[in-house]
N, C-alpha and C. Protein backbone atom coordinates (compact mmCIF):
# COMPACT_ATOMS: atom_id res chain seq x y z
N UNK A 1 168.41 47.96 -58.98
CA UNK A 1 167.72 47.75 -60.25
C UNK A 1 167.67 46.25 -60.58
N UNK A 2 168.76 45.55 -60.35
CA UNK A 2 168.79 44.11 -60.65
C UNK A 2 167.75 43.36 -59.82
N UNK A 3 167.55 43.78 -58.57
CA UNK A 3 166.57 43.12 -57.72
C UNK A 3 165.14 43.38 -58.22
N UNK A 4 164.89 44.56 -58.74
CA UNK A 4 163.57 44.89 -59.27
C UNK A 4 163.24 43.99 -60.45
N UNK A 5 164.21 43.67 -61.26
CA UNK A 5 164.00 42.78 -62.40
C UNK A 5 163.94 41.33 -61.96
N UNK A 6 164.79 40.96 -60.99
CA UNK A 6 164.92 39.58 -60.54
C UNK A 6 163.65 39.06 -59.84
N UNK A 7 163.09 39.84 -58.92
CA UNK A 7 161.95 39.36 -58.14
C UNK A 7 160.73 38.98 -58.99
N UNK A 8 160.32 39.83 -59.94
CA UNK A 8 159.18 39.40 -60.77
C UNK A 8 159.46 38.15 -61.58
N UNK A 9 160.68 37.99 -62.06
CA UNK A 9 161.02 36.79 -62.83
C UNK A 9 160.95 35.55 -61.96
N UNK A 10 161.41 35.66 -60.72
CA UNK A 10 161.35 34.53 -59.79
C UNK A 10 159.89 34.19 -59.50
N UNK A 11 159.07 35.21 -59.28
CA UNK A 11 157.65 34.98 -59.01
C UNK A 11 156.97 34.32 -60.20
N UNK A 12 157.26 34.78 -61.41
CA UNK A 12 156.66 34.19 -62.60
C UNK A 12 157.11 32.75 -62.77
N UNK A 13 158.35 32.44 -62.44
CA UNK A 13 158.83 31.06 -62.49
C UNK A 13 158.08 30.20 -61.47
N UNK A 14 157.85 30.77 -60.29
CA UNK A 14 157.08 30.07 -59.26
C UNK A 14 155.66 29.77 -59.77
N UNK A 15 155.01 30.76 -60.35
CA UNK A 15 153.66 30.57 -60.87
C UNK A 15 153.62 29.50 -61.95
N UNK A 16 154.61 29.51 -62.81
CA UNK A 16 154.66 28.53 -63.90
C UNK A 16 154.83 27.10 -63.37
N UNK A 17 155.43 26.96 -62.20
CA UNK A 17 155.69 25.64 -61.63
C UNK A 17 154.57 25.08 -60.78
N UNK A 18 153.54 25.87 -60.52
CA UNK A 18 152.43 25.41 -59.69
C UNK A 18 151.60 24.40 -60.48
N UNK A 19 151.19 23.34 -59.81
CA UNK A 19 150.33 22.33 -60.42
C UNK A 19 148.90 22.85 -60.42
N UNK A 20 148.39 23.14 -61.60
CA UNK A 20 147.03 23.67 -61.74
C UNK A 20 146.08 22.58 -62.23
N UNK A 21 146.13 21.42 -61.61
CA UNK A 21 145.34 20.30 -62.11
C UNK A 21 143.89 20.32 -61.63
N UNK A 22 143.61 20.99 -60.52
CA UNK A 22 142.25 21.03 -60.01
C UNK A 22 141.41 22.08 -60.70
N UNK A 23 140.11 22.04 -60.43
CA UNK A 23 139.20 23.02 -61.01
C UNK A 23 138.35 23.63 -59.90
N UNK A 24 138.11 24.91 -59.97
CA UNK A 24 137.27 25.62 -59.01
C UNK A 24 135.80 25.39 -59.34
N UNK A 25 134.98 25.36 -58.32
CA UNK A 25 133.54 25.33 -58.52
C UNK A 25 133.03 26.75 -58.25
N UNK A 26 133.53 27.70 -59.03
CA UNK A 26 133.18 29.11 -58.88
C UNK A 26 133.43 29.82 -60.20
N UNK A 27 132.72 30.91 -60.41
CA UNK A 27 132.96 31.72 -61.60
C UNK A 27 134.31 32.42 -61.48
N UNK A 28 134.98 32.59 -62.60
CA UNK A 28 136.24 33.33 -62.65
C UNK A 28 136.01 34.55 -63.53
N UNK A 29 136.34 35.71 -62.99
CA UNK A 29 136.24 36.98 -63.72
C UNK A 29 137.65 37.52 -63.86
N UNK A 30 138.11 37.66 -65.10
CA UNK A 30 139.47 38.14 -65.37
C UNK A 30 139.41 39.51 -66.03
N UNK A 31 140.05 40.49 -65.41
CA UNK A 31 140.19 41.81 -66.02
C UNK A 31 141.57 41.82 -66.66
N UNK A 32 141.60 41.89 -67.98
CA UNK A 32 142.86 41.77 -68.70
C UNK A 32 143.60 43.10 -68.77
N UNK A 33 144.90 43.00 -68.76
CA UNK A 33 145.77 44.15 -68.92
C UNK A 33 146.03 44.39 -70.41
N UNK A 34 146.45 45.60 -70.72
CA UNK A 34 146.86 45.90 -72.09
C UNK A 34 148.11 45.08 -72.38
N UNK A 35 148.14 44.42 -73.52
CA UNK A 35 149.26 43.55 -73.88
C UNK A 35 150.48 44.37 -74.28
N UNK A 36 151.62 43.97 -73.77
CA UNK A 36 152.89 44.60 -74.10
C UNK A 36 153.91 43.48 -74.27
N UNK A 37 154.51 43.39 -75.44
CA UNK A 37 155.47 42.30 -75.71
C UNK A 37 156.65 42.30 -74.75
N UNK A 38 156.91 43.42 -74.08
CA UNK A 38 158.05 43.51 -73.18
C UNK A 38 157.67 43.20 -71.73
N UNK A 39 156.39 43.00 -71.48
CA UNK A 39 155.91 42.78 -70.11
C UNK A 39 155.54 41.32 -69.93
N UNK A 40 156.38 40.59 -69.24
CA UNK A 40 156.17 39.16 -69.00
C UNK A 40 154.85 38.91 -68.27
N UNK A 41 154.51 39.76 -67.34
CA UNK A 41 153.28 39.57 -66.57
C UNK A 41 152.05 39.63 -67.46
N UNK A 42 152.03 40.55 -68.42
CA UNK A 42 150.87 40.66 -69.30
C UNK A 42 150.67 39.37 -70.09
N UNK A 43 151.74 38.80 -70.61
CA UNK A 43 151.64 37.58 -71.40
C UNK A 43 151.11 36.41 -70.58
N UNK A 44 151.59 36.26 -69.36
CA UNK A 44 151.24 35.08 -68.57
C UNK A 44 149.90 35.22 -67.85
N UNK A 45 149.45 36.43 -67.57
CA UNK A 45 148.22 36.60 -66.83
C UNK A 45 146.99 36.77 -67.72
N UNK A 46 147.17 37.22 -68.94
CA UNK A 46 146.05 37.40 -69.86
C UNK A 46 145.82 36.12 -70.64
N UNK A 47 145.34 35.12 -69.95
CA UNK A 47 145.13 33.84 -70.61
C UNK A 47 143.72 33.33 -70.35
N UNK A 48 143.37 32.29 -71.04
CA UNK A 48 142.05 31.68 -70.90
C UNK A 48 142.05 30.77 -69.68
N UNK A 49 141.29 31.14 -68.67
CA UNK A 49 141.21 30.36 -67.43
C UNK A 49 139.96 29.48 -67.41
N UNK A 50 139.30 29.30 -68.54
CA UNK A 50 138.05 28.54 -68.55
C UNK A 50 138.24 27.09 -68.12
N UNK A 51 139.41 26.53 -68.35
CA UNK A 51 139.67 25.16 -67.94
C UNK A 51 139.92 25.01 -66.45
N UNK A 52 140.00 26.15 -65.73
CA UNK A 52 140.29 26.11 -64.30
C UNK A 52 139.02 26.16 -63.45
N UNK A 53 137.85 26.15 -64.10
CA UNK A 53 136.61 26.23 -63.35
C UNK A 53 135.57 25.29 -63.94
N UNK A 54 134.68 24.81 -63.07
CA UNK A 54 133.54 24.03 -63.53
C UNK A 54 132.36 24.96 -63.80
N UNK A 55 132.53 26.22 -63.45
CA UNK A 55 131.47 27.23 -63.64
C UNK A 55 131.83 28.09 -64.86
N UNK A 56 131.53 29.38 -64.80
CA UNK A 56 131.75 30.26 -65.94
C UNK A 56 133.06 31.02 -65.83
N UNK A 57 133.66 31.28 -66.99
CA UNK A 57 134.83 32.13 -67.09
C UNK A 57 134.46 33.32 -67.96
N UNK A 58 134.74 34.52 -67.47
CA UNK A 58 134.45 35.74 -68.24
C UNK A 58 135.67 36.64 -68.20
N UNK A 59 136.03 37.16 -69.35
CA UNK A 59 137.16 38.07 -69.47
C UNK A 59 136.64 39.47 -69.80
N UNK A 60 137.25 40.48 -69.18
CA UNK A 60 136.84 41.86 -69.38
C UNK A 60 138.08 42.68 -69.75
N UNK A 61 137.97 43.57 -70.73
CA UNK A 61 139.13 44.39 -71.08
C UNK A 61 139.39 45.46 -70.04
N UNK A 62 140.59 45.42 -69.47
CA UNK A 62 140.99 46.44 -68.52
C UNK A 62 141.76 47.55 -69.21
N UNK A 63 142.17 48.51 -68.46
CA UNK A 63 142.90 49.66 -68.98
C UNK A 63 144.28 49.70 -68.32
N UNK A 64 145.32 49.80 -69.13
CA UNK A 64 146.68 49.90 -68.61
C UNK A 64 147.41 48.57 -68.63
N UNK A 65 148.72 48.64 -68.54
CA UNK A 65 149.54 47.44 -68.41
C UNK A 65 149.35 46.88 -67.01
N UNK A 66 149.67 45.62 -66.82
CA UNK A 66 149.38 44.92 -65.57
C UNK A 66 149.81 45.72 -64.33
N UNK A 67 151.03 46.21 -64.32
CA UNK A 67 151.53 46.91 -63.14
C UNK A 67 150.99 48.33 -63.01
N UNK A 68 150.25 48.81 -64.01
CA UNK A 68 149.73 50.18 -63.99
C UNK A 68 148.21 50.24 -63.84
N UNK A 69 147.56 49.11 -63.69
CA UNK A 69 146.10 49.08 -63.73
C UNK A 69 145.44 49.82 -62.58
N UNK A 70 146.14 50.01 -61.46
CA UNK A 70 145.57 50.74 -60.33
C UNK A 70 146.12 52.16 -60.20
N UNK A 71 146.85 52.60 -61.20
CA UNK A 71 147.35 53.98 -61.19
C UNK A 71 146.21 54.92 -61.58
N UNK A 72 146.33 56.17 -61.16
CA UNK A 72 145.26 57.16 -61.33
C UNK A 72 144.68 57.20 -62.74
N UNK A 73 145.53 57.16 -63.76
CA UNK A 73 145.02 57.31 -65.12
C UNK A 73 144.19 56.12 -65.59
N UNK A 74 144.28 54.98 -64.91
CA UNK A 74 143.53 53.78 -65.31
C UNK A 74 142.51 53.36 -64.26
N UNK A 75 142.59 53.92 -63.08
CA UNK A 75 141.79 53.47 -61.95
C UNK A 75 140.29 53.59 -62.18
N UNK A 76 139.85 54.70 -62.72
CA UNK A 76 138.41 54.92 -62.91
C UNK A 76 137.82 53.86 -63.84
N UNK A 77 138.49 53.60 -64.95
CA UNK A 77 137.99 52.59 -65.89
C UNK A 77 137.94 51.21 -65.22
N UNK A 78 139.04 50.81 -64.59
CA UNK A 78 139.12 49.46 -64.01
C UNK A 78 138.18 49.31 -62.81
N UNK A 79 137.98 50.38 -62.04
CA UNK A 79 137.01 50.34 -60.95
C UNK A 79 135.60 50.15 -61.50
N UNK A 80 135.33 50.77 -62.65
CA UNK A 80 134.03 50.60 -63.29
C UNK A 80 133.81 49.16 -63.75
N UNK A 81 134.87 48.53 -64.24
CA UNK A 81 134.78 47.13 -64.65
C UNK A 81 134.48 46.26 -63.42
N UNK A 82 135.18 46.51 -62.33
CA UNK A 82 134.96 45.75 -61.09
C UNK A 82 133.53 45.97 -60.59
N UNK A 83 133.06 47.20 -60.63
CA UNK A 83 131.70 47.51 -60.20
C UNK A 83 130.69 46.76 -61.05
N UNK A 84 130.92 46.71 -62.35
CA UNK A 84 130.03 45.97 -63.24
C UNK A 84 130.00 44.48 -62.92
N UNK A 85 131.16 43.92 -62.61
CA UNK A 85 131.25 42.50 -62.25
C UNK A 85 130.45 42.25 -60.97
N UNK A 86 130.68 43.09 -59.96
CA UNK A 86 129.97 42.93 -58.68
C UNK A 86 128.46 43.08 -58.83
N UNK A 87 128.04 44.05 -59.65
CA UNK A 87 126.61 44.21 -59.91
C UNK A 87 126.04 42.97 -60.57
N UNK A 88 126.77 42.40 -61.51
CA UNK A 88 126.33 41.18 -62.19
C UNK A 88 126.18 40.02 -61.20
N UNK A 89 127.14 39.92 -60.28
CA UNK A 89 127.12 38.83 -59.29
C UNK A 89 125.94 39.00 -58.33
N UNK A 90 125.77 40.20 -57.79
CA UNK A 90 124.76 40.40 -56.74
C UNK A 90 123.34 40.55 -57.28
N UNK A 91 123.21 40.92 -58.55
CA UNK A 91 121.88 40.99 -59.14
C UNK A 91 121.45 39.65 -59.69
N UNK A 92 122.45 38.75 -59.82
CA UNK A 92 122.24 37.37 -60.18
C UNK A 92 121.49 37.14 -61.40
């Protein structure tokens, strides 16, 4: 149990320490997780990434907490969001 808690915290510390000074020349599409005050991943991943790109940033509401977004009860909704993003990209 301690390892299950420890590994995500170490990963989040790693992410926080990365130098994000550059900017992508590509659109960023973020599917947000349901916010939970107890879930560190939700707080750190559901942020505004518009400063990380020279192109467009778009955020889409996802279904479920970050670690549950691909579980059966949320998969259909989130797959639909991804499908919509891909259709938007390829229909240009």
